[in-house]
């Protein structure tokens, strides 16, 4: 078996470390120079992707078991009485099919809202 002196061992270690750092430098040049455009597009796609997660919520109850809050999706419709008072009937006929309500009850609600604000 060939015995290595301290100088030759140091030379082997130096050469191996130099090869390792040279290969890392070559990889960095490949990524930053040659594949820059491709990786830039991938990074932008990852950063600008919109993901919507709906929260899972349950019911909130008090200590007696009475329901305080429920996670139920609802739509809230608001009509400004100062604008809708004069056009309550025409607005009700247009909105009734969308809100799945009958026209007279919607006119009544718009009129109640108008009388409450004035």
N, C-alpha and C. Protein backbone atom coordinates (compact mmCIF):
# COMPACT_ATOMS: atom_id res chain seq x y z
N UNK A 1 0.83 -1.17 0.00
CA UNK A 1 0.00 0.00 0.00
C UNK A 1 0.88 1.23 0.00
N UNK A 2 0.43 2.23 -0.68
CA UNK A 2 1.22 3.45 -0.82
C UNK A 2 0.90 4.35 0.35
N UNK A 3 1.90 4.79 1.05
CA UNK A 3 1.67 5.70 2.18
C UNK A 3 1.81 7.13 1.67
N UNK A 4 0.89 7.96 2.12
CA UNK A 4 0.89 9.35 1.70
C UNK A 4 1.48 10.20 2.81
N UNK A 5 2.26 11.14 2.41
CA UNK A 5 2.81 12.07 3.40
C UNK A 5 1.78 13.14 3.71
N UNK A 6 2.09 13.96 4.70
CA UNK A 6 1.17 15.03 5.08
C UNK A 6 0.96 16.01 3.93
N UNK A 7 1.99 16.29 3.20
CA UNK A 7 1.87 17.25 2.09
C UNK A 7 0.99 16.69 0.99
N UNK A 8 1.16 15.42 0.69
CA UNK A 8 0.35 14.84 -0.38
C UNK A 8 -1.10 14.69 0.05
N UNK A 9 -1.35 14.38 1.33
CA UNK A 9 -2.72 14.33 1.83
C UNK A 9 -3.38 15.70 1.75
N UNK A 10 -2.63 16.71 2.14
CA UNK A 10 -3.16 18.07 2.06
C UNK A 10 -3.45 18.45 0.63
N UNK A 11 -2.60 18.01 -0.30
CA UNK A 11 -2.81 18.29 -1.71
C UNK A 11 -4.08 17.60 -2.21
N UNK A 12 -4.32 16.36 -1.83
CA UNK A 12 -5.51 15.62 -2.25
C UNK A 12 -6.77 16.30 -1.69
N UNK A 13 -6.73 16.68 -0.42
CA UNK A 13 -7.88 17.34 0.18
C UNK A 13 -8.13 18.67 -0.50
N UNK A 14 -7.08 19.43 -0.79
CA UNK A 14 -7.21 20.71 -1.46
C UNK A 14 -7.81 20.54 -2.84
N UNK A 15 -7.34 19.54 -3.58
CA UNK A 15 -7.86 19.30 -4.92
C UNK A 15 -9.34 18.89 -4.85
N UNK A 16 -9.71 18.03 -3.91
CA UNK A 16 -11.11 17.60 -3.79
C UNK A 16 -12.01 18.77 -3.40
N UNK A 17 -11.57 19.60 -2.45
CA UNK A 17 -12.36 20.77 -2.09
C UNK A 17 -12.47 21.75 -3.26
N UNK A 18 -11.40 21.92 -3.99
CA UNK A 18 -11.43 22.81 -5.15
C UNK A 18 -12.41 22.30 -6.20
N UNK A 19 -12.42 20.99 -6.43
CA UNK A 19 -13.37 20.40 -7.38
C UNK A 19 -14.81 20.58 -6.90
N UNK A 20 -15.03 20.41 -5.61
CA UNK A 20 -16.38 20.56 -5.07
C UNK A 20 -16.87 21.99 -5.24
N UNK A 21 -16.05 22.98 -4.88
CA UNK A 21 -16.47 24.37 -5.02
C UNK A 21 -16.56 24.81 -6.47
N UNK A 22 -15.73 24.24 -7.33
CA UNK A 22 -15.83 24.55 -8.76
C UNK A 22 -17.13 24.00 -9.34
N UNK A 23 -17.53 22.80 -8.91
CA UNK A 23 -18.80 22.24 -9.40
C UNK A 23 -19.99 23.07 -8.89
N UNK A 24 -19.91 23.55 -7.64
CA UNK A 24 -20.98 24.42 -7.14
C UNK A 24 -21.03 25.73 -7.92
N UNK A 25 -19.87 26.28 -8.22
CA UNK A 25 -19.84 27.53 -8.99
C UNK A 25 -20.40 27.32 -10.39
N UNK A 26 -20.09 26.20 -11.01
CA UNK A 26 -20.63 25.90 -12.35
C UNK A 26 -22.15 25.76 -12.29
N UNK A 27 -22.65 25.12 -11.23
CA UNK A 27 -24.10 24.96 -11.08
C UNK A 27 -24.77 26.33 -10.89
N UNK A 28 -24.16 27.20 -10.10
CA UNK A 28 -24.71 28.54 -9.91
C UNK A 28 -24.73 29.32 -11.22
N UNK A 29 -23.68 29.21 -12.02
CA UNK A 29 -23.65 29.89 -13.32
C UNK A 29 -24.74 29.33 -14.22
N UNK A 30 -24.92 28.02 -14.19
CA UNK A 30 -25.97 27.42 -15.02
C UNK A 30 -27.35 27.95 -14.61
N UNK A 31 -27.62 28.02 -13.32
CA UNK A 31 -28.93 28.46 -12.86
C UNK A 31 -29.15 29.96 -13.06
N UNK A 32 -28.14 30.76 -12.76
CA UNK A 32 -28.32 32.21 -12.81
C UNK A 32 -28.16 32.81 -14.20
N UNK A 33 -27.40 32.17 -15.06
CA UNK A 33 -27.14 32.75 -16.38
C UNK A 33 -27.95 32.04 -17.46
N UNK A 34 -27.82 30.74 -17.54
CA UNK A 34 -28.41 30.02 -18.67
C UNK A 34 -29.90 29.72 -18.48
N UNK A 35 -30.33 29.45 -17.24
CA UNK A 35 -31.74 29.11 -17.00
C UNK A 35 -32.50 30.23 -16.29
N UNK A 36 -31.96 31.44 -16.35
CA UNK A 36 -32.55 32.56 -15.64
C UNK A 36 -34.00 32.83 -16.09
N UNK A 37 -34.24 32.90 -17.37
CA UNK A 37 -35.57 33.22 -17.90
C UNK A 37 -36.61 32.18 -17.47
N UNK A 38 -36.28 30.92 -17.64
CA UNK A 38 -37.20 29.84 -17.29
C UNK A 38 -37.52 29.84 -15.79
N UNK A 39 -36.51 29.97 -14.96
CA UNK A 39 -36.73 29.95 -13.52
C UNK A 39 -37.45 31.21 -13.05
N UNK A 40 -37.23 32.31 -13.74
CA UNK A 40 -37.93 33.54 -13.39
C UNK A 40 -39.43 33.40 -13.64
N UNK A 41 -39.81 32.79 -14.76
CA UNK A 41 -41.23 32.56 -15.05
C UNK A 41 -41.85 31.63 -14.00
N UNK A 42 -41.13 30.58 -13.61
CA UNK A 42 -41.64 29.66 -12.59
C UNK A 42 -41.82 30.36 -11.25
N UNK A 43 -40.88 31.21 -10.90
CA UNK A 43 -40.97 31.93 -9.63
C UNK A 43 -42.15 32.89 -9.64
N UNK A 44 -42.38 33.58 -10.74
CA UNK A 44 -43.52 34.49 -10.83
C UNK A 44 -44.83 33.73 -10.77
N UNK A 45 -44.88 32.57 -11.41
CA UNK A 45 -46.11 31.77 -11.38
C UNK A 45 -46.40 31.28 -9.96
N UNK A 46 -45.37 30.92 -9.22
CA UNK A 46 -45.58 30.49 -7.83
C UNK A 46 -46.00 31.63 -6.95
N UNK A 47 -45.44 32.78 -7.17
CA UNK A 47 -45.70 33.93 -6.31
C UNK A 47 -47.06 34.55 -6.60
N UNK A 48 -47.52 34.51 -7.84
CA UNK A 48 -48.74 35.21 -8.23
C UNK A 48 -49.95 34.30 -8.33
N UNK A 49 -49.85 33.09 -7.88
CA UNK A 49 -50.97 32.17 -7.96
C UNK A 49 -51.95 32.47 -6.82
N UNK A 50 -53.22 32.54 -7.14
CA UNK A 50 -54.25 32.84 -6.15
C UNK A 50 -54.93 31.53 -5.76
N UNK A 51 -54.88 31.24 -4.49
CA UNK A 51 -55.52 30.04 -3.97
C UNK A 51 -56.50 30.48 -2.89
N UNK A 52 -57.74 30.08 -3.04
CA UNK A 52 -58.74 30.44 -2.06
C UNK A 52 -59.10 29.22 -1.23
N UNK A 53 -58.98 29.37 0.05
CA UNK A 53 -59.36 28.32 0.98
C UNK A 53 -60.52 28.83 1.82
N UNK A 54 -61.61 28.09 1.79
CA UNK A 54 -62.73 28.48 2.62
C UNK A 54 -62.55 27.87 4.00
N UNK A 55 -62.74 28.69 4.99
CA UNK A 55 -62.57 28.22 6.36
C UNK A 55 -63.72 27.33 6.79
N UNK A 56 -63.36 26.28 7.47
CA UNK A 56 -64.40 25.39 7.99
C UNK A 56 -64.79 25.90 9.36
N UNK A 57 -66.00 26.35 9.46
CA UNK A 57 -66.47 26.89 10.72
C UNK A 57 -67.69 26.12 11.17
N UNK A 58 -67.82 26.05 12.43
CA UNK A 58 -68.97 25.36 12.98
C UNK A 58 -69.90 26.34 13.67
N UNK A 59 -70.81 25.81 14.41
CA UNK A 59 -71.76 26.64 15.12
C UNK A 59 -71.15 27.11 16.44
N UNK A 60 -71.50 28.32 16.84
CA UNK A 60 -71.06 28.85 18.12
C UNK A 60 -72.28 28.85 19.03
N UNK A 61 -72.13 28.19 20.18
CA UNK A 61 -73.24 28.06 21.11
C UNK A 61 -72.83 28.61 22.46
N UNK A 62 -73.84 29.04 23.22
CA UNK A 62 -73.54 29.49 24.58
C UNK A 62 -73.49 28.28 25.51
N UNK A 63 -73.33 28.53 26.79
CA UNK A 63 -73.16 27.43 27.74
C UNK A 63 -74.42 26.57 27.88
N UNK A 64 -75.57 27.10 27.48
CA UNK A 64 -76.81 26.33 27.55
C UNK A 64 -77.12 25.61 26.25
N UNK A 65 -76.27 25.75 25.25
CA UNK A 65 -76.49 25.09 23.97
C UNK A 65 -77.31 25.89 22.99
N UNK A 66 -77.62 27.14 23.31
CA UNK A 66 -78.37 27.99 22.39
C UNK A 66 -77.45 28.46 21.28
N UNK A 67 -77.94 28.46 20.08
CA UNK A 67 -77.14 28.84 18.92
C UNK A 67 -76.92 30.36 18.91
N UNK A 68 -75.66 30.77 18.91
CA UNK A 68 -75.32 32.20 18.85
C UNK A 68 -74.93 32.62 17.45
N UNK A 69 -74.17 31.80 16.77
CA UNK A 69 -73.71 32.13 15.42
C UNK A 69 -73.60 30.85 14.61
N UNK A 70 -73.88 30.99 13.33
CA UNK A 70 -73.84 29.86 12.41
C UNK A 70 -73.07 30.29 11.17
N UNK A 71 -72.30 29.41 10.60
CA UNK A 71 -71.55 29.76 9.39
C UNK A 71 -72.38 29.41 8.17
N UNK A 72 -73.32 30.25 7.88
CA UNK A 72 -74.20 30.04 6.74
C UNK A 72 -74.00 31.21 5.78
N UNK A 73 -73.81 30.91 4.52
CA UNK A 73 -73.60 31.95 3.53
C UNK A 73 -74.94 32.61 3.20
N UNK A 74 -74.96 33.91 3.30
CA UNK A 74 -76.15 34.67 2.96
C UNK A 74 -75.73 35.90 2.17
N UNK A 75 -76.65 36.43 1.40
CA UNK A 75 -76.41 37.67 0.68
C UNK A 75 -77.28 38.75 1.29
N UNK A 76 -76.69 39.90 1.49
CA UNK A 76 -77.40 41.01 2.10
C UNK A 76 -77.67 42.04 1.01
N UNK A 77 -78.92 42.43 0.90
CA UNK A 77 -79.31 43.44 -0.09
C UNK A 77 -79.78 44.66 0.68
N UNK A 78 -79.26 45.80 0.31
CA UNK A 78 -79.62 47.05 0.97
C UNK A 78 -80.06 48.04 -0.07
N UNK A 79 -81.14 48.74 0.21
CA UNK A 79 -81.63 49.78 -0.68
C UNK A 79 -81.64 51.09 0.09
N UNK A 80 -81.03 52.11 -0.45
CA UNK A 80 -80.98 53.41 0.18
C UNK A 80 -82.34 54.09 0.04
N UNK A 81 -83.03 54.34 1.14
CA UNK A 81 -84.38 54.91 1.06
C UNK A 81 -84.42 56.28 0.39
N UNK A 82 -83.36 57.04 0.52
CA UNK A 82 -83.38 58.37 -0.10
C UNK A 82 -83.38 58.27 -1.62
N UNK A 83 -82.97 57.17 -2.16
CA UNK A 83 -82.94 56.99 -3.61
C UNK A 83 -84.15 56.19 -4.09
N UNK A 84 -84.56 55.20 -3.33
CA UNK A 84 -85.59 54.26 -3.80
C UNK A 84 -87.02 54.65 -3.46
N UNK A 85 -87.23 55.67 -2.67
CA UNK A 85 -88.59 56.01 -2.24
C UNK A 85 -89.51 56.31 -3.42
N UNK A 86 -89.05 57.11 -4.35
CA UNK A 86 -89.91 57.51 -5.47
C UNK A 86 -90.07 56.40 -6.51
N UNK A 87 -89.15 55.45 -6.53
CA UNK A 87 -89.19 54.40 -7.57
C UNK A 87 -89.42 53.02 -6.96
N UNK A 88 -90.09 52.93 -5.84
CA UNK A 88 -90.24 51.66 -5.13
C UNK A 88 -90.94 50.60 -5.96
N UNK A 89 -91.98 50.96 -6.69
CA UNK A 89 -92.75 49.97 -7.46
C UNK A 89 -91.93 49.45 -8.63
N UNK A 90 -91.30 50.35 -9.37
CA UNK A 90 -90.52 49.90 -10.53
C UNK A 90 -89.30 49.09 -10.08
N UNK A 91 -88.68 49.49 -9.00
CA UNK A 91 -87.55 48.72 -8.48
C UNK A 91 -87.99 47.36 -7.98
N UNK A 92 -89.13 47.30 -7.33
CA UNK A 92 -89.64 46.03 -6.81
C UNK A 92 -89.95 45.06 -7.93
N UNK A 93 -90.51 45.55 -9.03
CA UNK A 93 -90.82 44.64 -10.15
C UNK A 93 -89.55 44.10 -10.79
N UNK A 94 -88.47 44.89 -10.77
CA UNK A 94 -87.21 44.41 -11.35
C UNK A 94 -86.45 43.50 -10.38
N UNK A 95 -86.52 43.81 -9.09
CA UNK A 95 -85.74 43.06 -8.11
C UNK A 95 -86.43 41.80 -7.60
N UNK A 96 -87.76 41.75 -7.67
CA UNK A 96 -88.50 40.61 -7.12
C UNK A 96 -88.05 39.27 -7.69
N UNK A 97 -87.88 39.12 -9.02
CA UNK A 97 -87.42 37.82 -9.52
C UNK A 97 -86.00 37.48 -9.05
N UNK A 98 -85.14 38.47 -8.95
CA UNK A 98 -83.77 38.21 -8.52
C UNK A 98 -83.70 37.81 -7.05
N UNK A 99 -84.53 38.42 -6.22
CA UNK A 99 -84.55 38.12 -4.79
C UNK A 99 -85.49 36.99 -4.43
N UNK A 100 -86.20 36.47 -5.42
CA UNK A 100 -87.18 35.39 -5.25
C UNK A 100 -88.24 35.80 -4.22
N UNK A 101 -88.78 36.99 -4.42
CA UNK A 101 -89.83 37.52 -3.56
C UNK A 101 -90.99 37.98 -4.44
N UNK A 102 -92.16 38.13 -3.83
CA UNK A 102 -93.27 38.67 -4.61
C UNK A 102 -93.22 40.20 -4.54
N UNK A 103 -93.75 40.83 -5.58
CA UNK A 103 -93.64 42.29 -5.75
C UNK A 103 -94.31 43.06 -4.62
N UNK A 104 -95.54 42.72 -4.19
CA UNK A 104 -96.17 43.52 -3.12
C UNK A 104 -95.39 43.54 -1.80
N UNK A 105 -94.84 42.39 -1.41
CA UNK A 105 -94.10 42.37 -0.15
C UNK A 105 -92.79 43.16 -0.27
N UNK A 106 -92.18 43.14 -1.45
CA UNK A 106 -90.96 43.92 -1.65
C UNK A 106 -91.26 45.41 -1.65
N UNK A 107 -92.39 45.81 -2.26
CA UNK A 107 -92.79 47.22 -2.24
C UNK A 107 -93.04 47.64 -0.80
N UNK A 108 -93.70 46.78 -0.04
CA UNK A 108 -93.99 47.09 1.36
C UNK A 108 -92.68 47.26 2.16
N UNK A 109 -91.71 46.39 1.91
CA UNK A 109 -90.43 46.51 2.62
C UNK A 109 -89.70 47.80 2.25
N UNK A 110 -89.75 48.13 0.97
CA UNK A 110 -89.11 49.38 0.56
C UNK A 110 -89.82 50.58 1.16
N UNK A 111 -91.14 50.51 1.26
CA UNK A 111 -91.90 51.62 1.84
C UNK A 111 -91.66 51.71 3.35
N UNK A 112 -91.54 50.59 4.03
CA UNK A 112 -91.26 50.60 5.46
C UNK A 112 -89.90 51.19 5.72
N UNK A 113 -88.93 50.82 4.93
CA UNK A 113 -87.59 51.35 5.08
C UNK A 113 -87.59 52.86 4.84
N UNK A 114 -88.38 53.31 3.85
CA UNK A 114 -88.42 54.73 3.54
C UNK A 114 -89.08 55.51 4.66
N UNK A 115 -90.15 54.95 5.25
CA UNK A 115 -90.84 55.66 6.32
C UNK A 115 -90.03 55.65 7.62
N UNK A 116 -89.22 54.62 7.84
CA UNK A 116 -88.40 54.55 9.04
C UNK A 116 -87.26 55.56 9.00
N UNK A 117 -86.71 55.83 7.82
CA UNK A 117 -85.59 56.75 7.73
C UNK A 117 -86.03 58.20 7.74
N UNK A 118 -87.25 58.50 7.39
CA UNK A 118 -87.72 59.87 7.26
C UNK A 118 -88.42 60.33 8.43
